[in-house]
PDB file of all heavy atoms in Angstrom:
ATOM      1  N   THR A   1       2.310   6.081   2.049  1.00  0.00           N
ATOM      2  CA  THR A   1       3.019   7.318   2.358  1.00  0.00           C
ATOM      3  C   THR A   1       4.437   7.017   2.846  1.00  0.00           C
ATOM      4  O   THR A   1       4.799   5.852   3.092  1.00  0.00           O
ATOM      5  CB  THR A   1       2.282   8.111   3.424  1.00  0.00           C
ATOM      6  OG1 THR A   1       2.364   7.387   4.669  1.00  0.00           O
ATOM      7  CG2 THR A   1       0.820   8.321   3.052  1.00  0.00           C
ATOM      8  N   ARG A   2       5.212   8.041   3.017  1.00  0.00           N
ATOM      9  CA  ARG A   2       6.571   7.844   3.518  1.00  0.00           C
ATOM     10  C   ARG A   2       6.531   7.326   4.948  1.00  0.00           C
ATOM     11  O   ARG A   2       7.475   6.676   5.381  1.00  0.00           O
ATOM     12  CB  ARG A   2       7.375   9.136   3.411  1.00  0.00           C
ATOM     13  CG  ARG A   2       6.874  10.282   4.258  1.00  0.00           C
ATOM     14  CD  ARG A   2       7.686  11.538   4.006  1.00  0.00           C
ATOM     15  NE  ARG A   2       9.071  11.404   4.383  1.00  0.00           N
ATOM     16  CZ  ARG A   2       9.561  11.750   5.580  1.00  0.00           C
ATOM     17  NH1 ARG A   2       8.764  12.260   6.500  1.00  0.00           N
ATOM     18  NH2 ARG A   2      10.843  11.609   5.852  1.00  0.00           N
ATOM     19  N   GLY A   3       5.432   7.579   5.659  1.00  0.00           N
ATOM     20  CA  GLY A   3       5.239   7.047   7.001  1.00  0.00           C
ATOM     21  C   GLY A   3       4.543   5.702   7.004  1.00  0.00           C
ATOM     22  O   GLY A   3       4.166   5.188   8.052  1.00  0.00           O
ATOM     23  N   ARG A   4       4.350   5.126   5.791  1.00  0.00           N
ATOM     24  CA  ARG A   4       3.732   3.801   5.600  1.00  0.00           C
ATOM     25  C   ARG A   4       2.242   3.771   5.906  1.00  0.00           C
ATOM     26  O   ARG A   4       1.674   2.705   6.177  1.00  0.00           O
ATOM     27  CB  ARG A   4       4.486   2.709   6.340  1.00  0.00           C
ATOM     28  CG  ARG A   4       5.934   2.593   5.885  1.00  0.00           C
ATOM     29  CD  ARG A   4       6.669   1.440   6.522  1.00  0.00           C
ATOM     30  NE  ARG A   4       8.090   1.480   6.165  1.00  0.00           N
ATOM     31  CZ  ARG A   4       8.605   0.872   5.109  1.00  0.00           C
ATOM     32  NH1 ARG A   4       7.843   0.163   4.318  1.00  0.00           N
ATOM     33  NH2 ARG A   4       9.901   0.965   4.847  1.00  0.00           N
ATOM     34  N   GLY A   5       1.593   4.950   5.884  1.00  0.00           N
ATOM     35  CA  GLY A   5       0.142   4.941   5.857  1.00  0.00           C
ATOM     36  C   GLY A   5      -0.315   4.406   4.509  1.00  0.00           C
ATOM     37  O   GLY A   5       0.332   4.661   3.483  1.00  0.00           O
ATOM     38  N   ILE A   6      -1.402   3.648   4.491  1.00  0.00           N
ATOM     39  CA  ILE A   6      -1.835   2.972   3.266  1.00  0.00           C
ATOM     40  C   ILE A   6      -3.295   3.252   2.993  1.00  0.00           C
ATOM     41  O   ILE A   6      -4.119   3.288   3.911  1.00  0.00           O
ATOM     42  CB  ILE A   6      -1.587   1.446   3.380  1.00  0.00           C
ATOM     43  CG1 ILE A   6      -0.080   1.160   3.333  1.00  0.00           C
ATOM     44  CG2 ILE A   6      -2.300   0.703   2.258  1.00  0.00           C
ATOM     45  CD1 ILE A   6       0.262  -0.298   3.537  1.00  0.00           C
ATOM     46  N   ARG A   7      -3.598   3.408   1.712  1.00  0.00           N
ATOM     47  CA  ARG A   7      -4.992   3.620   1.285  1.00  0.00           C
ATOM     48  C   ARG A   7      -5.211   2.850  -0.009  1.00  0.00           C
ATOM     49  O   ARG A   7      -4.317   2.791  -0.861  1.00  0.00           O
ATOM     50  CB  ARG A   7      -5.238   5.105   1.084  1.00  0.00           C
ATOM     51  CG  ARG A   7      -6.608   5.471   0.571  1.00  0.00           C
ATOM     52  CD  ARG A   7      -6.952   6.914   0.919  1.00  0.00           C
ATOM     53  NE  ARG A   7      -5.958   7.866   0.475  1.00  0.00           N
ATOM     54  CZ  ARG A   7      -6.068   8.610  -0.626  1.00  0.00           C
ATOM     55  NH1 ARG A   7      -7.109   8.471  -1.399  1.00  0.00           N
ATOM     56  NH2 ARG A   7      -5.150   9.488  -0.949  1.00  0.00           N
ATOM     57  N   TYR A   8      -6.404   2.276  -0.163  1.00  0.00           N
ATOM     58  CA  TYR A   8      -6.791   1.545  -1.372  1.00  0.00           C
ATOM     59  C   TYR A   8      -8.118   2.059  -1.903  1.00  0.00           C
ATOM     60  O   TYR A   8      -8.994   2.471  -1.126  1.00  0.00           O
ATOM     61  CB  TYR A   8      -6.960   0.046  -1.093  1.00  0.00           C
ATOM     62  CG  TYR A   8      -5.719  -0.666  -0.630  1.00  0.00           C
ATOM     63  CD1 TYR A   8      -5.524  -0.946   0.717  1.00  0.00           C
ATOM     64  CD2 TYR A   8      -4.740  -1.084  -1.535  1.00  0.00           C
ATOM     65  CE1 TYR A   8      -4.385  -1.601   1.155  1.00  0.00           C
ATOM     66  CE2 TYR A   8      -3.606  -1.747  -1.109  1.00  0.00           C
ATOM     67  CZ  TYR A   8      -3.431  -2.001   0.240  1.00  0.00           C
ATOM     68  OH  TYR A   8      -2.308  -2.652   0.670  1.00  0.00           O
ATOM     69  N   VAL A   9      -8.292   1.966  -3.210  1.00  0.00           N
ATOM     70  CA  VAL A   9      -9.619   2.176  -3.777  1.00  0.00           C
ATOM     71  C   VAL A   9     -10.482   0.984  -3.373  1.00  0.00           C
ATOM     72  O   VAL A   9      -9.981  -0.146  -3.215  1.00  0.00           O
ATOM     73  CB  VAL A   9      -9.537   2.335  -5.320  1.00  0.00           C
ATOM     74  CG1 VAL A   9      -9.107   1.039  -5.989  1.00  0.00           C
ATOM     75  CG2 VAL A   9     -10.838   2.851  -5.875  1.00  0.00           C
ATOM     76  N   ASP A  10     -11.765   1.210  -3.172  1.00  0.00           N
ATOM     77  CA  ASP A  10     -12.637   0.160  -2.636  1.00  0.00           C
ATOM     78  C   ASP A  10     -12.613  -1.105  -3.490  1.00  0.00           C
ATOM     79  O   ASP A  10     -12.691  -2.219  -2.958  1.00  0.00           O
ATOM     80  CB  ASP A  10     -14.075   0.670  -2.522  1.00  0.00           C
ATOM     81  CG  ASP A  10     -14.259   1.629  -1.365  1.00  0.00           C
ATOM     82  OD1 ASP A  10     -13.366   1.713  -0.501  1.00  0.00           O
ATOM     83  OD2 ASP A  10     -15.305   2.304  -1.329  1.00  0.00           O
ATOM     84  N   SER A  11     -12.502  -0.982  -4.778  1.00  0.00           N
ATOM     85  CA  SER A  11     -12.624  -2.126  -5.676  1.00  0.00           C
ATOM     86  C   SER A  11     -11.469  -3.131  -5.548  1.00  0.00           C
ATOM     87  O   SER A  11     -11.582  -4.252  -6.039  1.00  0.00           O
ATOM     88  CB  SER A  11     -12.729  -1.659  -7.130  1.00  0.00           C
ATOM     89  OG  SER A  11     -11.588  -0.916  -7.497  1.00  0.00           O
ATOM     90  N   VAL A  12     -10.368  -2.740  -4.912  1.00  0.00           N
ATOM     91  CA  VAL A  12      -9.231  -3.656  -4.794  1.00  0.00           C
ATOM     92  C   VAL A  12      -8.956  -4.062  -3.353  1.00  0.00           C
ATOM     93  O   VAL A  12      -8.063  -4.880  -3.103  1.00  0.00           O
ATOM     94  CB  VAL A  12      -7.942  -3.063  -5.421  1.00  0.00           C
ATOM     95  CG1 VAL A  12      -8.202  -2.589  -6.843  1.00  0.00           C
ATOM     96  CG2 VAL A  12      -7.363  -1.949  -4.564  1.00  0.00           C
ATOM     97  N   LYS A  13      -9.711  -3.530  -2.409  1.00  0.00           N
ATOM     98  CA  LYS A  13      -9.483  -3.864  -1.002  1.00  0.00           C
ATOM     99  C   LYS A  13      -9.649  -5.368  -0.781  1.00  0.00           C
ATOM    100  O   LYS A  13     -10.599  -5.980  -1.261  1.00  0.00           O
ATOM    101  CB  LYS A  13     -10.462  -3.090  -0.116  1.00  0.00           C
ATOM    102  CG  LYS A  13     -10.117  -1.622   0.039  1.00  0.00           C
ATOM    103  CD  LYS A  13     -11.122  -0.909   0.938  1.00  0.00           C
ATOM    104  CE  LYS A  13     -10.783   0.557   1.081  1.00  0.00           C
ATOM    105  NZ  LYS A  13     -11.799   1.293   1.878  1.00  0.00           N
ATOM    106  N   GLY A  14      -8.693  -5.944  -0.063  1.00  0.00           N
ATOM    107  CA  GLY A  14      -8.729  -7.372   0.200  1.00  0.00           C
ATOM    108  C   GLY A  14      -8.088  -8.210  -0.886  1.00  0.00           C
ATOM    109  O   GLY A  14      -7.884  -9.416  -0.701  1.00  0.00           O
ATOM    110  N   ARG A  15      -7.769  -7.594  -2.028  1.00  0.00           N
ATOM    111  CA  ARG A  15      -7.156  -8.329  -3.139  1.00  0.00           C
ATOM    112  C   ARG A  15      -5.747  -7.823  -3.459  1.00  0.00           C
ATOM    113  O   ARG A  15      -4.879  -8.612  -3.837  1.00  0.00           O
ATOM    114  CB  ARG A  15      -8.018  -8.214  -4.394  1.00  0.00           C
ATOM    115  CG  ARG A  15      -9.430  -8.757  -4.228  1.00  0.00           C
ATOM    116  CD  ARG A  15     -10.170  -8.811  -5.574  1.00  0.00           C
ATOM    117  NE  ARG A  15     -10.350  -7.485  -6.165  1.00  0.00           N
ATOM    118  CZ  ARG A  15      -9.876  -7.141  -7.367  1.00  0.00           C
ATOM    119  NH1 ARG A  15      -9.191  -8.019  -8.099  1.00  0.00           N
ATOM    120  NH2 ARG A  15     -10.095  -5.922  -7.840  1.00  0.00           N
ATOM    121  N   PHE A  16      -5.531  -6.535  -3.336  1.00  0.00           N
ATOM    122  CA  PHE A  16      -4.237  -5.932  -3.662  1.00  0.00           C
ATOM    123  C   PHE A  16      -3.530  -5.498  -2.386  1.00  0.00           C
ATOM    124  O   PHE A  16      -4.166  -5.088  -1.406  1.00  0.00           O
ATOM    125  CB  PHE A  16      -4.417  -4.698  -4.545  1.00  0.00           C
ATOM    126  CG  PHE A  16      -4.893  -4.968  -5.941  1.00  0.00           C
ATOM    127  CD1 PHE A  16      -5.354  -6.203  -6.346  1.00  0.00           C
ATOM    128  CD2 PHE A  16      -4.861  -3.940  -6.889  1.00  0.00           C
ATOM    129  CE1 PHE A  16      -5.790  -6.442  -7.638  1.00  0.00           C
ATOM    130  CE2 PHE A  16      -5.291  -4.144  -8.185  1.00  0.00           C
ATOM    131  CZ  PHE A  16      -5.764  -5.397  -8.553  1.00  0.00           C
ATOM    132  N   THR A  17      -2.196  -5.555  -2.415  1.00  0.00           N
ATOM    133  CA  THR A  17      -1.381  -5.108  -1.292  1.00  0.00           C
ATOM    134  C   THR A  17      -0.225  -4.255  -1.813  1.00  0.00           C
ATOM    135  O   THR A  17       0.539  -4.709  -2.674  1.00  0.00           O
ATOM    136  CB  THR A  17      -0.815  -6.296  -0.507  1.00  0.00           C
ATOM    137  OG1 THR A  17      -1.880  -7.131  -0.046  1.00  0.00           O
ATOM    138  CG2 THR A  17      -0.007  -5.809   0.696  1.00  0.00           C
ATOM    139  N   ILE A  18      -0.130  -3.050  -1.301  1.00  0.00           N
ATOM    140  CA  ILE A  18       0.982  -2.171  -1.649  1.00  0.00           C
ATOM    141  C   ILE A  18       2.024  -2.241  -0.536  1.00  0.00           C
ATOM    142  O   ILE A  18       1.689  -2.351   0.654  1.00  0.00           O
ATOM    143  CB  ILE A  18       0.508  -0.716  -1.876  1.00  0.00           C
ATOM    144  CG1 ILE A  18       1.634   0.137  -2.457  1.00  0.00           C
ATOM    145  CG2 ILE A  18      -0.063  -0.103  -0.605  1.00  0.00           C
ATOM    146  CD1 ILE A  18       1.180   1.528  -2.911  1.00  0.00           C
ATOM    147  N   SER A  19       3.291  -2.194  -0.927  1.00  0.00           N
ATOM    148  CA  SER A  19       4.371  -2.199   0.060  1.00  0.00           C
ATOM    149  C   SER A  19       5.558  -1.449  -0.536  1.00  0.00           C
ATOM    150  O   SER A  19       5.618  -1.207  -1.751  1.00  0.00           O
ATOM    151  CB  SER A  19       4.767  -3.631   0.440  1.00  0.00           C
ATOM    152  OG  SER A  19       5.238  -4.343  -0.691  1.00  0.00           O
ATOM    153  N   ARG A  20       6.487  -1.086   0.322  1.00  0.00           N
ATOM    154  CA  ARG A  20       7.683  -0.391  -0.144  1.00  0.00           C
ATOM    155  C   ARG A  20       8.904  -0.911   0.593  1.00  0.00           C
ATOM    156  O   ARG A  20       8.816  -1.295   1.766  1.00  0.00           O
ATOM    157  CB  ARG A  20       7.554   1.125   0.039  1.00  0.00           C
ATOM    158  CG  ARG A  20       7.446   1.612   1.463  1.00  0.00           C
ATOM    159  CD  ARG A  20       7.088   3.102   1.512  1.00  0.00           C
ATOM    160  NE  ARG A  20       8.152   3.940   0.963  1.00  0.00           N
ATOM    161  CZ  ARG A  20       7.975   5.203   0.580  1.00  0.00           C
ATOM    162  NH1 ARG A  20       6.773   5.756   0.674  1.00  0.00           N
ATOM    163  NH2 ARG A  20       8.994   5.899   0.120  1.00  0.00           N
ATOM    164  N   ASP A  21      10.027  -0.908  -0.119  1.00  0.00           N
ATOM    165  CA  ASP A  21      11.311  -1.285   0.449  1.00  0.00           C
ATOM    166  C   ASP A  21      12.245  -0.102   0.222  1.00  0.00           C
ATOM    167  O   ASP A  21      12.768   0.081  -0.882  1.00  0.00           O
ATOM    168  CB  ASP A  21      11.839  -2.555  -0.242  1.00  0.00           C
ATOM    169  CG  ASP A  21      13.127  -3.071   0.375  1.00  0.00           C
ATOM    170  OD1 ASP A  21      13.835  -2.285   1.017  1.00  0.00           O
ATOM    171  OD2 ASP A  21      13.421  -4.252   0.184  1.00  0.00           O
ATOM    172  N   ASN A  22      12.426   0.691   1.250  1.00  0.00           N
ATOM    173  CA  ASN A  22      13.235   1.902   1.097  1.00  0.00           C
ATOM    174  C   ASN A  22      14.696   1.582   0.797  1.00  0.00           C
ATOM    175  O   ASN A  22      15.368   2.360   0.112  1.00  0.00           O
ATOM    176  CB  ASN A  22      13.126   2.767   2.346  1.00  0.00           C
ATOM    177  CG  ASN A  22      11.771   3.435   2.483  1.00  0.00           C
ATOM    178  OD1 ASN A  22      10.991   3.484   1.515  1.00  0.00           O
ATOM    179  ND2 ASN A  22      11.476   3.933   3.663  1.00  0.00           N
ATOM    180  N   ALA A  23      15.194   0.454   1.295  1.00  0.00           N
ATOM    181  CA  ALA A  23      16.577   0.068   1.026  1.00  0.00           C
ATOM    182  C   ALA A  23      16.798  -0.214  -0.459  1.00  0.00           C
ATOM    183  O   ALA A  23      17.903  -0.014  -0.976  1.00  0.00           O
ATOM    184  CB  ALA A  23      16.953  -1.151   1.852  1.00  0.00           C
ATOM    185  N   LYS A  24      15.753  -0.666  -1.141  1.00  0.00           N
ATOM    186  CA  LYS A  24      15.853  -0.959  -2.573  1.00  0.00           C
ATOM    187  C   LYS A  24      15.220   0.134  -3.425  1.00  0.00           C
ATOM    188  O   LYS A  24      15.165   0.000  -4.654  1.00  0.00           O
ATOM    189  CB  LYS A  24      15.180  -2.297  -2.883  1.00  0.00           C
ATOM    190  CG  LYS A  24      15.854  -3.491  -2.230  1.00  0.00           C
ATOM    191  CD  LYS A  24      15.165  -4.785  -2.626  1.00  0.00           C
ATOM    192  CE  LYS A  24      15.878  -5.990  -2.000  1.00  0.00           C
ATOM    193  NZ  LYS A  24      15.213  -7.270  -2.343  1.00  0.00           N
TER     194      LYS A  24
END
């Protein structure tokens, strides 16, 4: 989210990481 809350589907938890760089 814009507040950096994060959610994953169960099948990718522990393997995938989402992140954002607002400056870019």
